[in-house]
Protein backbone atom coordinates (compact mmCIF):
# COMPACT_ATOMS: atom_id res chain seq x y z
CA MET A 1 113.32 97.95 124.63
CA PRO A 2 111.05 96.42 127.29
CA GLN A 3 108.62 93.72 126.16
CA SER A 4 105.64 95.33 127.90
CA LEU A 5 105.00 98.14 125.40
CA HIS A 6 101.41 98.72 124.34
CA LEU A 7 100.60 101.02 121.40
CA LEU A 8 97.50 102.22 119.65
CA ILE A 9 97.33 102.24 115.86
CA VAL A 10 94.85 104.85 114.63
CA GLU A 11 94.03 104.27 110.99
CA SER A 12 92.10 106.23 108.42
CA PRO A 13 91.03 103.70 105.79
CA TYR A 14 89.84 106.20 103.16
CA TYR A 15 92.26 104.55 100.73
CA GLU A 16 91.84 101.13 102.29
CA ASP A 17 94.38 99.22 100.19
CA ILE A 18 97.13 101.74 100.91
CA THR A 19 96.27 101.97 104.60
CA ASN A 20 96.28 98.18 104.89
CA GLU A 21 99.82 98.12 103.49
CA LEU A 22 100.89 100.77 106.02
CA ILE A 23 99.35 98.65 108.78
CA ARG A 24 101.17 95.58 107.53
CA GLY A 25 104.50 97.36 107.95
CA ALA A 26 103.53 98.74 111.36
CA VAL A 27 102.34 95.41 112.74
CA ASP A 28 105.52 93.67 111.56
CA VAL A 29 107.67 96.15 113.51
CA LEU A 30 105.50 95.88 116.62
CA GLU A 31 105.56 92.09 116.56
CA LYS A 32 109.34 92.04 116.12
CA ALA A 33 109.64 94.44 119.08
CA GLY A 34 107.41 92.21 121.21
CA ALA A 35 104.92 95.04 121.66
CA SER A 36 101.18 94.61 121.94
CA TYR A 37 98.77 96.92 120.16
CA ASP A 38 95.18 97.88 119.60
CA ARG A 39 93.74 99.26 116.38
CA ILE A 40 90.97 101.74 115.85
CA SER A 41 89.60 103.19 112.66
CA VAL A 42 88.44 106.78 112.11
CA PRO A 43 86.53 108.26 109.15
CA GLY A 44 89.42 110.30 107.77
CA ALA A 45 92.92 111.63 108.43
CA PHE A 46 91.50 114.81 109.97
CA GLU A 47 90.01 112.75 112.82
CA ILE A 48 93.23 110.95 113.79
CA PRO A 49 94.49 113.57 116.29
CA ALA A 50 91.12 113.67 118.09
CA ALA A 51 91.02 109.87 118.36
CA ILE A 52 94.50 109.85 119.88
CA ARG A 53 93.46 112.56 122.34
CA PHE A 54 90.35 110.55 123.28
CA ALA A 55 92.48 107.46 123.91
CA ALA A 56 95.04 109.38 125.94
CA ASP A 57 92.30 110.98 128.05
CA ALA A 58 90.33 107.77 128.59
CA GLY A 59 92.90 106.27 130.93
CA ARG A 60 91.34 102.82 130.59
CA LYS A 61 94.09 101.73 128.25
CA ASN A 62 97.53 102.92 129.12
CA TYR A 63 99.17 103.33 125.75
CA ASP A 64 102.90 103.91 125.65
CA GLY A 65 102.67 105.37 122.15
CA TYR A 66 100.56 105.89 119.08
CA VAL A 67 100.90 105.22 115.37
CA ALA A 68 98.86 107.41 113.00
CA LEU A 69 98.30 105.81 109.59
CA GLY A 70 96.44 106.94 106.51
CA CYS A 71 96.74 108.56 103.13
CA VAL A 72 95.61 111.86 101.64
CA ILE A 73 95.87 112.24 97.87
CA ARG A 74 95.67 115.70 96.34
CA GLY A 75 92.42 116.40 94.56
CA GLU A 76 91.10 119.32 92.57
CA THR A 77 90.29 121.57 95.55
CA SER A 78 92.14 123.10 98.47
CA HIS A 79 90.59 120.53 100.84
CA TYR A 80 93.83 118.52 100.62
CA ASP A 81 95.85 121.42 102.06
CA TYR A 82 93.55 121.85 105.05
CA VAL A 83 93.35 118.15 105.85
CA CYS A 84 97.11 117.64 105.58
CA GLY A 85 98.05 120.78 107.48
CA GLU A 86 95.58 120.35 110.30
CA THR A 87 96.28 116.66 110.73
CA ALA A 88 100.01 117.33 111.03
CA ARG A 89 99.42 120.30 113.34
CA GLY A 90 97.11 118.28 115.57
CA LEU A 91 99.55 115.40 115.90
CA GLN A 92 102.49 117.73 116.55
CA GLU A 93 100.49 119.54 119.22
CA LEU A 94 99.74 116.23 120.95
CA ALA A 95 103.40 115.26 120.79
CA ILE A 96 104.66 118.56 122.20
CA LYS A 97 101.98 119.75 124.61
CA ASP A 98 100.88 116.34 125.87
CA ARG A 99 104.23 114.59 125.46
CA LEU A 100 102.75 111.71 123.49
CA ALA A 101 105.02 109.41 121.50
CA ILE A 102 103.52 109.42 118.01
CA GLY A 103 104.64 107.89 114.75
CA TYR A 104 103.26 110.10 111.97
CA GLY A 105 102.36 107.89 109.03
CA VAL A 106 99.75 109.89 107.16
CA LEU A 107 100.96 109.92 103.59
CA THR A 108 100.41 113.22 101.78
CA VAL A 109 100.90 112.60 98.09
CA GLU A 110 99.92 113.72 94.62
CA ASN A 111 98.70 110.35 93.32
CA ARG A 112 98.25 106.66 94.07
CA ASP A 113 101.62 105.73 92.52
CA GLN A 114 103.40 107.97 95.01
CA ALA A 115 101.31 106.52 97.82
CA TRP A 116 102.18 102.94 96.89
CA ALA A 117 105.88 103.76 96.56
CA ARG A 118 105.82 104.97 100.17
CA ALA A 119 103.40 102.44 101.66
CA SER A 120 104.66 99.21 100.11
CA VAL A 121 106.57 97.10 102.63
CA ASP A 122 108.89 96.15 99.77
CA LYS A 123 109.70 99.78 98.93
CA GLY A 124 109.23 102.76 101.25
CA ASN A 125 107.58 100.87 104.14
CA LYS A 126 106.47 104.08 105.86
CA GLY A 127 104.18 102.08 108.15
CA GLY A 128 107.18 100.24 109.54
CA PHE A 129 109.35 103.35 109.62
CA VAL A 130 106.90 105.49 111.59
CA THR A 131 106.29 102.64 114.02
CA GLU A 132 110.04 102.54 114.65
CA VAL A 133 109.82 106.30 115.25
CA ALA A 134 107.08 105.79 117.86
CA LEU A 135 109.16 103.13 119.60
CA ARG A 136 112.19 105.41 119.63
CA MET A 137 110.16 108.28 121.09
CA ILE A 138 108.88 105.96 123.84
CA GLU A 139 112.49 105.09 124.55
CA LEU A 140 113.33 108.80 124.84
CA LYS A 141 110.41 109.38 127.21
CA ARG A 142 111.79 106.60 129.41
CA LYS A 143 115.28 108.06 129.25
CA PHE A 144 114.00 111.42 130.49
CA GLY A 145 111.91 109.84 133.24
CA LEU A 146 108.53 110.67 131.74
CA ILE A 147 107.45 107.01 131.91
CA GLU A 148 108.76 104.02 133.80
């Protein structure tokens, strides 16, 4: 993989401790790959797709890929279902319609124990995993001539 990759990490720090662990895994993978990155924070998971769209449209920063990180824990209302579904739909739409390489690391869990099992770099390391996914999708875009 070329050393000149530049990615954007979009993080929703609603559960800051969990998101920080996801970021730790993501940054480790990016540093090992020799990739540079920027980080931005948004108020919640629902806003992640819009932030990625803003960055892609801005053109000032030419990002090769994006890493979406955050956590949504089920509560007592149906709000969880809407946030999870629309966040996933928005990111998938960006990936398909706009051909963006996105690592989807928004945890959707029932409780904090499940979140930690997935976020911890010593256990699930989803931050690292989804960053690897973004790097692989960038590689595929290059293979198909969508980027140089």
